[in-house]
N, C-alpha and C. Protein backbone atom coordinates (compact mmCIF):
# COMPACT_ATOMS: atom_id res chain seq x y z
N UNK A 1 211.37 32.60 236.16
CA UNK A 1 210.63 32.40 237.43
C UNK A 1 212.05 32.32 238.78
N UNK A 2 213.04 31.69 238.34
CA UNK A 2 213.83 32.20 239.35
C UNK A 2 213.79 33.21 240.64
N UNK A 3 214.31 34.66 239.71
CA UNK A 3 213.98 35.57 240.27
C UNK A 3 212.49 35.23 241.49
N UNK A 4 211.57 35.44 241.37
CA UNK A 4 210.25 36.05 241.72
C UNK A 4 210.10 34.82 243.03
N UNK A 5 211.12 33.26 242.79
CA UNK A 5 210.85 32.35 243.61
C UNK A 5 212.30 32.66 244.73
N UNK A 6 212.79 33.34 244.44
CA UNK A 6 213.02 33.47 245.38
C UNK A 6 212.85 34.76 245.69
N UNK A 7 212.93 35.45 245.56
CA UNK A 7 211.67 36.90 246.51
C UNK A 7 210.65 35.77 247.43
N UNK A 8 210.50 34.96 247.37
CA UNK A 8 209.46 34.75 247.60
C UNK A 8 209.45 33.47 249.28
N UNK A 9 210.68 33.11 249.12
CA UNK A 9 212.23 32.52 249.83
C UNK A 9 212.23 33.07 251.07
N UNK A 10 212.49 34.78 249.73
CA UNK A 10 213.54 35.77 251.38
C UNK A 10 212.54 36.45 252.48
N UNK A 11 211.07 36.40 251.95
CA UNK A 11 210.38 36.40 252.88
C UNK A 11 209.29 35.14 253.63
N UNK A 12 209.97 34.50 253.74
CA UNK A 12 209.28 33.64 254.06
C UNK A 12 210.02 33.73 255.70
N UNK A 13 209.40 33.42 256.84
CA UNK A 13 209.43 32.99 257.83
C UNK A 13 209.71 32.32 258.14
N UNK A 14 209.05 30.96 257.65
CA UNK A 14 209.45 29.88 257.95
C UNK A 14 211.12 28.07 256.98
N UNK A 15 211.10 29.42 256.35
CA UNK A 15 212.48 28.68 255.17
C UNK A 15 213.31 29.84 255.60
N UNK A 16 212.86 31.54 256.25
CA UNK A 16 214.06 31.55 256.81
C UNK A 16 215.26 31.33 258.58
N UNK A 17 214.47 30.51 258.65
CA UNK A 17 214.15 30.08 260.22
C UNK A 17 215.13 28.13 259.60
N UNK A 18 215.16 27.81 258.97
CA UNK A 18 215.23 26.22 258.38
C UNK A 18 216.96 26.18 258.84
N UNK A 19 217.05 25.19 259.43
CA UNK A 19 218.68 24.84 259.58
C UNK A 19 219.06 24.38 259.15
N UNK A 20 218.39 23.30 257.67
CA UNK A 20 218.87 22.26 257.42
C UNK A 20 219.88 22.81 256.44
N UNK A 21 221.18 21.75 256.74
CA UNK A 21 221.69 22.63 255.81
C UNK A 21 222.49 21.89 254.71
N UNK A 22 221.80 20.88 253.74
CA UNK A 22 221.58 20.45 252.56
C UNK A 22 220.49 22.36 251.97
N UNK A 23 220.38 23.04 252.40
CA UNK A 23 218.68 24.02 251.69
C UNK A 23 219.92 25.13 251.55
N UNK A 24 219.79 25.47 249.59
CA UNK A 24 220.21 25.87 249.00
C UNK A 24 219.41 27.46 248.31
N UNK A 25 219.46 28.83 249.95
CA UNK A 25 218.54 29.30 249.53
C UNK A 25 218.16 30.40 247.67
N UNK A 26 219.42 29.91 247.25
CA UNK A 26 219.21 30.35 245.29
C UNK A 26 219.92 28.89 244.93
N UNK A 27 218.99 28.13 245.37
CA UNK A 27 218.51 26.98 244.97
C UNK A 27 217.98 26.46 243.65
N UNK A 28 217.35 24.85 243.35
CA UNK A 28 216.81 24.44 243.16
C UNK A 28 214.76 25.05 242.79
N UNK A 29 214.41 25.82 241.90
CA UNK A 29 213.43 26.13 242.61
C UNK A 29 211.84 25.78 243.25
N UNK A 30 212.28 23.78 242.45
CA UNK A 30 211.52 22.80 243.08
C UNK A 30 211.61 22.39 244.38
N UNK A 31 213.18 22.35 245.14
CA UNK A 31 213.78 22.05 245.87
C UNK A 31 213.28 23.28 246.87
N UNK A 32 213.34 23.78 246.56
CA UNK A 32 213.55 25.19 247.77
C UNK A 32 211.48 25.41 247.66
N UNK A 33 211.03 24.74 247.01
CA UNK A 33 209.24 24.66 246.56
C UNK A 33 209.03 24.39 248.85
N UNK A 34 209.75 23.03 248.79
CA UNK A 34 209.58 21.72 249.89
C UNK A 34 209.31 22.66 251.83
N UNK A 35 210.75 23.85 251.57
CA UNK A 35 211.60 24.28 252.78
C UNK A 35 210.41 25.48 252.00
N UNK A 36 208.98 25.89 251.96
CA UNK A 36 208.27 27.49 251.61
C UNK A 36 207.37 26.74 252.77
N UNK A 37 206.60 27.68 253.50
CA UNK A 37 205.86 27.66 254.95
C UNK A 37 204.30 27.32 253.32
N UNK A 38 203.29 27.17 253.52
CA UNK A 38 202.13 27.00 253.06
C UNK A 38 201.55 28.19 252.83
N UNK A 39 201.50 29.16 252.65
CA UNK A 39 201.85 30.30 252.47
C UNK A 39 203.04 30.61 251.28
N UNK A 40 203.83 30.87 251.31
CA UNK A 40 204.73 30.16 250.68
C UNK A 40 204.39 29.48 249.74
N UNK A 41 203.38 28.61 249.85
CA UNK A 41 203.72 28.45 248.58
C UNK A 41 202.57 27.69 248.03
N UNK A 42 202.24 28.47 248.70
CA UNK A 42 200.48 29.28 247.59
C UNK A 42 200.75 29.38 246.81
N UNK A 43 201.93 30.53 247.76
CA UNK A 43 202.85 32.24 246.21
C UNK A 43 202.83 31.79 245.14
N UNK A 44 204.25 30.41 245.67
CA UNK A 44 205.02 30.02 244.29
C UNK A 44 204.30 29.19 243.80
N UNK A 45 203.20 28.12 244.37
CA UNK A 45 202.50 27.77 242.98
C UNK A 45 201.28 28.52 242.07
N UNK A 46 201.08 29.76 242.89
CA UNK A 46 200.42 30.23 241.38
C UNK A 46 202.01 31.13 240.50
N UNK A 47 202.89 31.46 240.96
CA UNK A 47 204.11 32.26 240.12
C UNK A 47 203.41 30.43 238.81
N UNK A 48 204.87 29.41 239.29
CA UNK A 48 204.37 28.10 238.90
C UNK A 48 203.59 28.01 237.83
N UNK A 49 201.86 28.26 238.15
CA UNK A 49 201.45 28.13 237.12
C UNK A 49 200.89 29.54 236.31
N UNK A 50 201.20 30.61 236.16
CA UNK A 50 201.13 32.07 236.03
C UNK A 50 202.69 31.48 235.04
N UNK A 51 203.63 31.30 235.33
CA UNK A 51 204.43 30.85 233.90
C UNK A 51 204.43 29.40 232.84
N UNK A 52 203.59 28.47 233.26
CA UNK A 52 203.69 27.18 232.76
C UNK A 52 202.26 27.35 231.71
N UNK A 53 201.54 27.96 232.06
CA UNK A 53 199.92 28.86 231.70
C UNK A 53 200.59 29.13 230.38
N UNK A 54 202.03 29.99 230.20
CA UNK A 54 201.87 31.17 229.35
C UNK A 54 202.87 30.57 228.32
N UNK A 55 203.79 28.89 228.97
CA UNK A 55 204.18 28.66 228.14
C UNK A 55 203.29 27.17 227.31
N UNK A 56 202.65 27.29 227.92
CA UNK A 56 201.98 25.80 227.19
C UNK A 56 200.99 27.31 225.66
N UNK A 57 200.56 28.04 226.21
CA UNK A 57 200.18 29.04 224.85
C UNK A 57 201.41 29.19 224.04
N UNK A 58 202.59 29.32 224.45
CA UNK A 58 203.39 29.66 222.86
C UNK A 58 204.20 28.24 222.73
N UNK A 59 203.05 27.81 222.98
CA UNK A 59 204.81 26.31 222.86
C UNK A 59 204.85 26.05 221.14
N UNK A 60 206.21 25.47 220.81
CA UNK A 60 206.12 25.53 219.53
C UNK A 60 206.60 23.19 220.06
N UNK A 61 206.58 22.71 218.48
CA UNK A 61 208.25 21.78 218.68
C UNK A 61 208.70 22.58 218.17
N UNK A 62 210.01 21.88 218.47
CA UNK A 62 211.55 22.56 218.28
C UNK A 62 211.12 21.43 216.73
N UNK A 63 212.56 22.42 215.67
CA UNK A 63 212.24 22.07 214.72
C UNK A 63 213.46 20.20 214.36
N UNK A 64 212.68 19.99 213.23
CA UNK A 64 212.86 18.60 213.82
C UNK A 64 212.77 17.23 214.32
N UNK A 65 212.23 17.43 215.36
CA UNK A 65 211.27 16.99 216.00
C UNK A 65 210.46 15.39 215.34
N UNK A 66 209.87 15.78 214.93
CA UNK A 66 208.60 14.09 214.10
C UNK A 66 209.47 13.73 213.61
N UNK A 67 210.69 14.41 213.21
CA UNK A 67 211.74 13.53 211.62
C UNK A 67 212.33 12.23 212.90
N UNK A 68 213.30 12.97 213.77
CA UNK A 68 214.14 12.15 214.72
C UNK A 68 212.79 11.45 214.92
N UNK A 69 211.40 11.01 215.80
CA UNK A 69 210.54 10.28 216.29
C UNK A 69 210.14 9.24 215.20
N UNK A 70 210.17 10.06 214.32
CA UNK A 70 209.76 8.74 213.20
C UNK A 70 210.65 8.11 212.72
N UNK A 71 212.16 7.56 213.05
CA UNK A 71 213.21 7.30 212.33
C UNK A 71 213.66 6.37 214.10
N UNK A 72 213.38 7.23 214.69
CA UNK A 72 213.10 5.78 216.25
C UNK A 72 211.99 4.50 216.76
N UNK A 73 211.03 5.59 215.82
CA UNK A 73 209.86 4.23 215.32
C UNK A 73 210.50 3.25 214.35
N UNK A 74 210.75 4.20 213.31
CA UNK A 74 211.26 2.91 212.06
C UNK A 74 212.89 1.91 212.69
N UNK A 75 213.24 2.73 214.00
CA UNK A 75 213.88 0.95 214.12
C UNK A 75 214.27 1.02 215.17
N UNK A 76 212.30 0.97 215.82
CA UNK A 76 212.67 0.06 217.18
C UNK A 76 213.18 0.29 218.31
N UNK A 77 213.23 1.83 217.96
CA UNK A 77 213.61 2.71 219.25
C UNK A 77 213.37 3.45 220.17
N UNK A 78 212.63 2.54 221.45
CA UNK A 78 211.47 3.58 222.45
C UNK A 78 212.49 4.78 223.31
N UNK A 79 211.58 5.75 223.53
CA UNK A 79 211.77 7.08 223.74
C UNK A 79 211.21 7.99 224.36
N UNK A 80 210.90 7.84 225.64
CA UNK A 80 210.52 8.80 226.69
C UNK A 80 210.23 10.00 227.08
N UNK A 81 210.07 10.68 227.67
CA UNK A 81 210.30 12.28 228.15
C UNK A 81 210.58 12.10 229.13
N UNK A 82 210.52 13.22 230.13
CA UNK A 82 211.02 13.46 231.49
C UNK A 82 211.57 15.19 231.64
N UNK A 83 210.57 15.30 232.13
CA UNK A 83 210.10 17.06 232.45
C UNK A 83 210.20 17.15 234.23
N UNK A 84 210.84 18.49 234.50
CA UNK A 84 210.06 19.06 235.58
C UNK A 84 208.86 19.38 235.13
N UNK A 85 207.97 19.49 234.53
CA UNK A 85 206.85 20.67 234.44
C UNK A 85 206.00 19.79 234.99
N UNK A 86 204.65 20.46 234.55
CA UNK A 86 203.18 19.17 234.94
C UNK A 86 202.80 18.06 233.51
N UNK A 87 202.02 17.79 233.56
CA UNK A 87 201.32 16.94 232.77
C UNK A 87 201.21 17.04 232.08
N UNK A 88 200.40 18.32 232.24
CA UNK A 88 199.28 19.34 231.64
C UNK A 88 200.38 19.41 229.94
N UNK A 89 201.34 20.48 230.82
CA UNK A 89 202.75 20.23 229.36
C UNK A 89 202.94 19.30 229.12
N UNK A 90 202.73 18.01 228.89
CA UNK A 90 203.30 17.07 227.87
C UNK A 90 202.16 16.61 227.24
N UNK A 91 201.19 16.90 227.77
CA UNK A 91 199.90 16.40 227.27
C UNK A 91 199.79 17.79 225.87
N UNK A 92 199.77 19.02 226.35
CA UNK A 92 200.31 19.46 224.79
C UNK A 92 200.86 19.07 223.61
N UNK A 93 201.99 19.35 224.29
CA UNK A 93 203.41 18.14 223.62
C UNK A 93 202.39 16.51 222.60
N UNK A 94 201.74 16.15 222.90
CA UNK A 94 201.83 15.50 222.79
C UNK A 94 201.02 15.36 221.32
N UNK A 95 199.73 16.54 221.70
CA UNK A 95 198.77 16.45 221.03
C UNK A 95 199.29 17.75 219.75
N UNK A 96 200.42 18.40 219.59
CA UNK A 96 201.27 19.05 219.23
C UNK A 96 202.05 17.58 217.86
N UNK A 97 202.62 16.63 217.67
CA UNK A 97 203.48 15.89 218.20
C UNK A 97 202.44 15.12 217.25
N UNK A 98 201.46 15.09 217.80
CA UNK A 98 200.33 13.88 216.81
C UNK A 98 199.62 14.65 215.65
N UNK A 99 199.51 15.95 216.00
CA UNK A 99 198.34 17.26 214.60
C UNK A 99 199.46 17.51 214.09
N UNK A 100 201.61 17.04 214.13
CA UNK A 100 201.86 18.20 213.60
C UNK A 100 202.76 16.77 212.53
N UNK A 101 202.59 16.01 213.46
CA UNK A 101 203.43 15.03 212.93
C UNK A 101 203.02 13.55 212.69
N UNK A 102 201.27 13.64 212.81
CA UNK A 102 201.34 12.45 212.94
C UNK A 102 202.75 10.50 214.23
N UNK A 103 202.49 11.37 214.97
CA UNK A 103 203.63 10.75 215.72
C UNK A 103 203.00 10.48 217.50
N UNK A 104 202.90 9.50 217.58
CA UNK A 104 202.41 8.73 218.70
C UNK A 104 203.58 9.53 220.47
N UNK A 105 202.54 8.94 221.02
CA UNK A 105 203.29 9.84 222.34
C UNK A 105 204.62 8.65 222.64
N UNK A 106 205.28 9.74 223.67
CA UNK A 106 206.79 9.25 224.94
C UNK A 106 205.49 8.01 225.35
N UNK A 107 206.55 7.38 225.31
CA UNK A 107 206.26 6.53 226.37
C UNK A 107 207.89 6.12 227.26
N UNK A 108 207.60 6.39 228.29
CA UNK A 108 206.46 6.73 229.48
C UNK A 108 207.39 8.09 228.87
N UNK A 109 205.91 9.53 229.57
CA UNK A 109 206.35 10.70 229.52
C UNK A 109 205.85 10.54 231.72
N UNK A 110 207.49 10.72 231.53
CA UNK A 110 207.61 10.88 233.47
C UNK A 110 207.49 12.69 233.51
N UNK A 111 206.01 12.96 234.11
CA UNK A 111 206.59 14.92 235.28
C UNK A 111 206.73 14.77 236.11
N UNK A 112 207.00 16.26 237.03
CA UNK A 112 206.88 16.08 238.73
C UNK A 112 206.41 15.90 238.83
N UNK A 113 205.15 15.09 238.84
CA UNK A 113 203.37 14.51 239.50
C UNK A 113 203.21 12.95 239.20
N UNK A 114 204.19 12.92 238.74
CA UNK A 114 204.25 10.89 237.78
C UNK A 114 204.33 10.74 239.45
N UNK A 115 203.96 9.04 240.24
CA UNK A 115 204.23 8.67 240.82
C UNK A 115 204.93 7.18 240.12
N UNK A 116 205.56 7.13 241.04
CA UNK A 116 206.58 5.85 240.83
C UNK A 116 205.49 3.97 241.10
N UNK A 117 204.78 4.00 240.28
CA UNK A 117 203.52 2.65 240.73
C UNK A 117 203.72 1.15 241.14
N UNK A 118 205.59 1.72 241.00
CA UNK A 118 206.13 0.35 241.42
C UNK A 118 206.56 0.40 243.17
N UNK A 119 206.78 1.42 242.66
CA UNK A 119 207.01 1.72 244.35
C UNK A 119 205.01 1.11 245.84
N UNK A 120 204.16 1.25 244.99
CA UNK A 120 202.53 0.72 245.10
C UNK A 120 202.77 -0.59 245.56
N UNK A 121 201.75 -1.02 246.84
CA UNK A 121 201.16 -1.99 246.65
C UNK A 121 199.65 -2.16 245.95
N UNK A 122 198.21 -2.75 246.39
CA UNK A 122 197.64 -3.26 245.74
C UNK A 122 196.62 -2.70 246.81
N UNK A 123 197.14 -2.30 248.12
CA UNK A 123 196.40 -1.66 249.05
C UNK A 123 196.64 -0.19 248.56
N UNK A 124 194.95 -0.14 248.83
CA UNK A 124 194.20 1.22 248.50
C UNK A 124 195.05 2.75 250.43
N UNK A 125 194.84 1.67 251.92
CA UNK A 125 195.95 2.73 252.12
C UNK A 125 197.40 3.25 251.56
N UNK A 126 197.83 1.74 251.58
CA UNK A 126 198.95 1.52 251.31
C UNK A 126 199.82 3.15 249.29
N UNK A 127 199.03 2.92 249.41
CA UNK A 127 199.06 3.24 248.07
C UNK A 127 199.03 4.93 247.93
N UNK A 128 197.77 5.53 249.25
CA UNK A 128 197.92 6.72 249.80
C UNK A 128 199.30 7.35 251.01
N UNK A 129 199.87 6.04 251.56
CA UNK A 129 200.58 6.79 252.51
C UNK A 129 202.19 6.64 251.43
N UNK A 130 202.28 6.22 250.07
CA UNK A 130 203.01 5.92 249.05
C UNK A 130 203.31 6.85 247.80
N UNK A 131 201.82 7.10 247.75
CA UNK A 131 202.37 8.34 246.57
C UNK A 131 202.81 9.51 246.67
N UNK A 132 203.39 9.38 247.04
CA UNK A 132 204.77 10.40 246.61
C UNK A 132 205.41 11.01 245.35
N UNK A 133 205.86 11.86 244.30
CA UNK A 133 206.59 11.66 243.45
C UNK A 133 207.34 12.20 242.76
N UNK A 134 208.16 10.69 241.83
CA UNK A 134 208.91 11.20 241.74
C UNK A 134 210.15 11.59 241.80
N UNK A 135 211.15 11.63 242.67
CA UNK A 135 212.38 13.31 242.38
C UNK A 135 212.25 13.66 240.46
N UNK A 136 212.77 14.90 241.03
CA UNK A 136 212.58 15.86 239.73
C UNK A 136 213.88 15.98 238.92
N UNK A 137 214.26 16.47 238.47
CA UNK A 137 215.97 16.05 237.91
C UNK A 137 216.91 17.56 238.31
N UNK A 138 217.48 17.31 238.54
CA UNK A 138 218.72 16.55 238.68
C UNK A 138 219.08 15.04 239.23
N UNK A 139 218.06 15.01 239.63
CA UNK A 139 218.28 13.48 240.60
C UNK A 139 217.29 12.39 239.48
N UNK A 140 218.55 11.07 239.71
CA UNK A 140 219.05 10.91 238.82
C UNK A 140 217.22 9.86 239.43
N UNK A 141 216.35 10.18 240.00
CA UNK A 141 215.48 8.91 239.64
C UNK A 141 214.17 8.98 238.58
N UNK A 142 214.83 9.85 237.82
CA UNK A 142 213.05 9.58 237.06
C UNK A 142 214.06 8.65 235.63
N UNK A 143 215.17 8.48 235.41
CA UNK A 143 215.65 8.09 234.25
C UNK A 143 215.33 6.27 234.96
N UNK A 144 215.55 5.62 236.12
CA UNK A 144 216.21 4.91 236.59
C UNK A 144 214.60 4.06 236.89
N UNK A 145 213.10 5.40 237.24
CA UNK A 145 212.27 4.57 236.48
C UNK A 145 212.10 3.94 235.62
N UNK A 146 212.35 5.32 234.44
CA UNK A 146 211.94 5.11 232.78
C UNK A 146 212.34 3.55 232.66
N UNK A 147 214.13 3.22 232.97
CA UNK A 147 214.49 1.58 233.15
C UNK A 147 213.50 1.03 233.49
N UNK A 148 213.14 0.76 234.64
CA UNK A 148 212.25 -0.02 234.73
C UNK A 148 211.10 -0.09 234.06
N UNK A 149 210.98 0.69 233.36
CA UNK A 149 208.79 0.31 232.54
C UNK A 149 209.54 -0.43 231.18
N UNK A 150 211.30 0.22 230.06
CA UNK A 150 211.02 -0.80 229.51
C UNK A 150 212.04 -1.53 230.00
N UNK A 151 211.93 -2.27 231.07
CA UNK A 151 213.19 -3.41 231.03
C UNK A 151 214.44 -3.43 230.68
N UNK A 152 215.13 -2.24 230.97
CA UNK A 152 216.76 -2.54 230.71
C UNK A 152 217.75 -1.92 232.25
N UNK A 153 218.88 -1.78 232.16
CA UNK A 153 220.35 -1.18 232.42
C UNK A 153 219.67 0.78 232.19
N UNK A 154 220.51 1.39 232.33
CA UNK A 154 221.41 2.98 231.99
C UNK A 154 222.01 2.33 231.02
N UNK A 155 222.92 1.49 231.14
CA UNK A 155 223.58 1.80 230.22
C UNK A 155 223.24 1.85 229.12
N UNK A 156 222.10 1.37 228.56
CA UNK A 156 220.68 1.14 227.61
C UNK A 156 220.53 1.70 226.74
N UNK A 157 220.77 3.19 227.78
CA UNK A 157 219.48 4.71 227.49
C UNK A 157 220.54 5.78 226.80
N UNK A 158 220.34 6.71 226.18
CA UNK A 158 220.13 7.91 225.59
C UNK A 158 219.55 9.77 226.10
N UNK A 159 220.50 9.65 227.37
CA UNK A 159 220.03 11.09 227.52
C UNK A 159 220.11 11.88 226.67
N UNK A 160 218.95 12.72 226.18
CA UNK A 160 219.32 14.29 225.14
C UNK A 160 218.81 15.18 225.58
N UNK A 161 219.42 16.62 226.11
CA UNK A 161 218.58 17.35 227.05
C UNK A 161 219.04 18.53 226.86
N UNK A 162 218.90 19.93 226.88
CA UNK A 162 218.67 21.11 226.46
C UNK A 162 219.35 22.05 227.89
N UNK A 163 219.85 21.48 229.06
CA UNK A 163 219.98 22.26 230.65
C UNK A 163 221.57 21.03 230.80
N UNK A 164 222.88 22.03 230.87
CA UNK A 164 223.99 20.59 232.05
C UNK A 164 223.83 20.62 233.46
N UNK A 165 222.97 21.71 233.70
CA UNK A 165 222.22 21.71 235.39
C UNK A 165 221.76 19.95 235.67
N UNK A 166 220.33 20.43 234.91
CA UNK A 166 219.69 19.15 235.37
C UNK A 166 219.77 17.74 234.46
N UNK A 167 219.59 17.97 233.61
CA UNK A 167 219.98 16.83 231.78
C UNK A 167 220.46 16.78 232.47
N UNK A 168 221.82 16.73 232.02
CA UNK A 168 223.43 15.86 231.56
C UNK A 168 223.81 15.82 233.42
N UNK A 169 222.63 15.85 234.13
CA UNK A 169 223.64 15.15 235.79
C UNK A 169 222.80 14.78 235.99
N UNK A 170 221.07 14.60 235.92
CA UNK A 170 220.37 13.31 235.83
C UNK A 170 220.63 12.04 235.32
N UNK A 171 221.41 12.22 233.93
CA UNK A 171 222.01 11.33 233.65
C UNK A 171 223.32 10.14 233.78
N UNK A 172 224.13 11.63 233.95
CA UNK A 172 225.76 11.38 234.59
C UNK A 172 225.19 10.42 236.03
N UNK A 173 224.11 10.95 236.81
CA UNK A 173 224.15 10.09 238.43
C UNK A 173 223.10 8.83 238.31
N UNK A 174 222.78 9.10 236.89
CA UNK A 174 221.29 8.17 236.97
C UNK A 174 222.87 6.45 236.44
N UNK A 175 223.49 7.17 235.36
CA UNK A 175 225.35 5.74 235.51
C UNK A 175 224.64 5.81 233.51
N UNK A 176 223.62 6.82 233.09
CA UNK A 176 223.74 6.62 231.31
C UNK A 176 225.01 5.76 230.98
N UNK A 177 224.26 5.33 229.39
CA UNK A 177 225.31 4.86 228.72
C UNK A 177 225.66 6.80 228.00
N UNK A 178 225.59 7.23 228.16
CA UNK A 178 225.79 8.56 226.88
C UNK A 178 224.87 9.96 227.77
N UNK A 179 225.82 11.06 226.88
CA UNK A 179 224.81 12.02 227.98
C UNK A 179 224.63 12.80 226.22
N UNK A 180 223.54 13.76 225.58
CA UNK A 180 223.77 15.07 224.72
C UNK A 180 222.97 15.83 224.39
N UNK A 181 223.46 16.60 225.12
CA UNK A 181 224.01 18.35 225.23
C UNK A 181 222.97 19.24 223.70
N UNK A 182 221.70 18.79 223.71
CA UNK A 182 221.53 19.99 222.63
C UNK A 182 221.72 21.69 223.43
N UNK A 183 222.39 22.06 222.81
CA UNK A 183 222.54 23.95 222.33
C UNK A 183 221.74 24.75 220.88
N UNK A 184 220.14 24.65 221.07
CA UNK A 184 219.89 25.28 220.66
C UNK A 184 220.00 26.23 219.97
N UNK A 185 220.76 26.61 218.43
CA UNK A 185 221.35 27.90 218.24
C UNK A 185 222.55 28.19 219.17
N UNK A 186 223.03 27.59 219.50
CA UNK A 186 224.59 28.26 219.98
C UNK A 186 224.00 28.13 221.18
N UNK A 187 222.47 28.00 222.31
CA UNK A 187 222.34 28.91 223.82
C UNK A 187 222.00 27.01 224.25
N UNK A 188 222.15 27.10 225.30
CA UNK A 188 221.99 26.32 226.44
C UNK A 188 220.43 26.94 227.41
N UNK A 189 219.61 25.59 227.69
CA UNK A 189 218.00 26.76 227.80
C UNK A 189 218.66 26.87 230.24
N UNK A 190 217.58 27.60 230.42
CA UNK A 190 217.94 27.20 231.69
C UNK A 190 216.92 26.98 232.30
N UNK A 191 216.42 26.16 233.33
CA UNK A 191 215.50 25.59 233.45
C UNK A 191 215.05 26.24 235.24
N UNK A 192 215.90 26.87 235.81
CA UNK A 192 215.76 27.61 237.64
C UNK A 192 216.11 26.41 237.78
N UNK A 193 216.89 25.14 237.84
CA UNK A 193 217.30 24.69 238.91
C UNK A 193 218.22 24.27 239.55
N UNK A 194 218.82 26.03 239.32
CA UNK A 194 220.07 26.57 240.09
C UNK A 194 221.48 25.42 238.97
N UNK A 195 222.32 24.67 240.27
CA UNK A 195 223.70 24.65 239.91
C UNK A 195 224.78 24.20 240.43
N UNK A 196 225.45 23.90 241.86
CA UNK A 196 225.89 23.63 242.10
C UNK A 196 228.06 24.37 241.20
N UNK A 197 229.72 25.29 242.27
CA UNK A 197 229.77 25.21 241.45
C UNK A 197 231.42 23.80 242.00
N UNK A 198 230.73 22.97 242.73
CA UNK A 198 232.32 22.70 243.27
C UNK A 198 232.12 21.69 241.51
N UNK A 199 234.12 20.84 241.88
CA UNK A 199 234.29 19.98 240.99
C UNK A 199 234.01 19.48 240.20
N UNK A 200 233.01 18.39 242.11
CA UNK A 200 232.23 16.88 241.04
C UNK A 200 230.71 17.84 240.36
N UNK A 201 230.24 18.47 240.42
CA UNK A 201 229.33 18.36 240.48
C UNK A 201 229.33 19.24 238.33
N UNK A 202 230.45 20.33 238.58
CA UNK A 202 231.26 20.81 237.11
C UNK A 202 230.64 19.89 236.15
N UNK A 203 232.20 18.16 236.45
CA UNK A 203 232.22 16.98 236.16
C UNK A 203 230.95 16.37 235.05
N UNK A 204 230.12 16.72 236.01
CA UNK A 204 228.77 15.79 235.88
C UNK A 204 227.90 16.17 234.45
N UNK A 205 227.81 18.19 235.15
CA UNK A 205 227.33 18.87 233.67
C UNK A 205 228.77 18.79 232.21
N UNK A 206 229.27 17.78 232.80
CA UNK A 206 229.56 17.84 230.40
C UNK A 206 229.18 16.14 229.98
N UNK A 207 229.00 16.51 229.12
CA UNK A 207 227.90 15.23 228.05
C UNK A 207 229.04 14.61 226.57
N UNK A 208 228.23 14.27 226.77
CA UNK A 208 229.42 12.95 225.52
C UNK A 208 229.53 13.64 224.44
N UNK A 209 228.57 13.91 224.25
CA UNK A 209 228.50 15.59 222.82
C UNK A 209 227.37 16.55 222.79
N UNK A 210 228.20 17.67 222.39
CA UNK A 210 226.88 18.47 222.28
C UNK A 210 226.46 18.64 220.56
N UNK A 211 224.65 18.47 219.55
CA UNK A 211 224.88 19.24 219.12
C UNK A 211 223.83 20.45 219.13
N UNK A 212 223.75 20.86 218.34
CA UNK A 212 223.07 22.35 218.03
C UNK A 212 221.55 22.02 217.51
N UNK A 213 221.32 21.29 216.20
CA UNK A 213 219.90 20.70 216.02
C UNK A 213 219.92 19.35 216.58
N UNK A 214 218.29 19.13 216.48
CA UNK A 214 218.18 17.94 216.16
C UNK A 214 218.36 16.82 215.04
N UNK A 215 218.79 17.92 213.63
CA UNK A 215 219.15 17.08 212.56
C UNK A 215 220.43 16.57 212.87
N UNK A 216 220.87 17.14 213.05
CA UNK A 216 222.67 16.78 213.63
C UNK A 216 222.34 15.43 214.41
N UNK A 217 222.04 15.55 215.74
CA UNK A 217 221.64 14.50 215.91
C UNK A 217 221.32 13.60 215.16
N UNK A 218 220.21 13.73 214.65
CA UNK A 218 219.23 12.56 213.33
C UNK A 218 220.12 12.02 212.48
N UNK A 219 221.32 13.26 211.94
CA UNK A 219 222.54 12.54 211.42
C UNK A 219 223.58 11.13 211.69
N UNK A 220 223.53 11.52 213.31
CA UNK A 220 224.47 10.48 213.76
C UNK A 220 223.94 9.80 214.19
N UNK A 221 222.74 9.75 214.39
CA UNK A 221 221.83 7.99 214.26
C UNK A 221 221.63 7.40 213.41
N UNK A 222 221.31 7.71 212.84
CA UNK A 222 221.51 7.29 211.02
C UNK A 222 222.80 6.58 210.09
N UNK A 223 224.13 7.69 210.46
CA UNK A 223 225.52 7.02 210.12
C UNK A 223 225.51 6.07 211.26
N UNK A 224 225.15 5.97 212.56
CA UNK A 224 225.73 4.65 213.75
C UNK A 224 224.71 4.01 213.07
N UNK A 225 223.52 4.35 212.53
CA UNK A 225 223.05 2.92 212.09
C UNK A 225 223.42 2.26 211.01
N UNK A 226 223.15 3.01 209.93
CA UNK A 226 224.27 2.81 208.53
C UNK A 226 225.66 1.53 209.03
N UNK A 227 226.56 1.96 209.66
CA UNK A 227 227.67 1.04 210.31
C UNK A 227 227.21 -0.29 211.28
N UNK A 228 225.77 -0.43 211.56
CA UNK A 228 225.69 -1.53 211.81
C UNK A 228 224.73 -2.53 211.33
């Protein structure tokens, strides 16, 4: 995806003429999208749609997810989803989770189309003016929104993700109690969010622990639960 969006950006006169010092022309594709011309955004949306449709068709639940959810539910531990994908991808995942494991939905399920309803007033016009989607990872806003829904502090939250550049950085910026990097089969997922090389950014990408399988995470949780 990243190469295709970068190609659109390289040929977009509106973006190329931008003097915004915060613009990284080889950074997060979702942030880059905001700087594109209307025509450029239209082309980028086609790329997003093409790749996301293919992902939906090929979607498979990660091994061990059903058992992990069952453990969390049986112990009264809340679970949410925070994804840079669109809402439809969450719907497909929820359907698979129920059909394959009879497990209920994650709540809340925050995607890049989710509106922070806490910022909306009861007035219809004001709602329209404030209906901007929640900023996506690596911004901390998604986690902070989940905390508002749950009525808890970020210190009470453990973030589990497969990409250090956005999942772990997001957890660090939200000041979560812990962050867990899932390197499935020893590989880290690239979600096209870029990532810098400053000392601060490298520190933000360091998880509390790293696991290679969800079963490994489940074992850790079960051990901690027995000890408590």
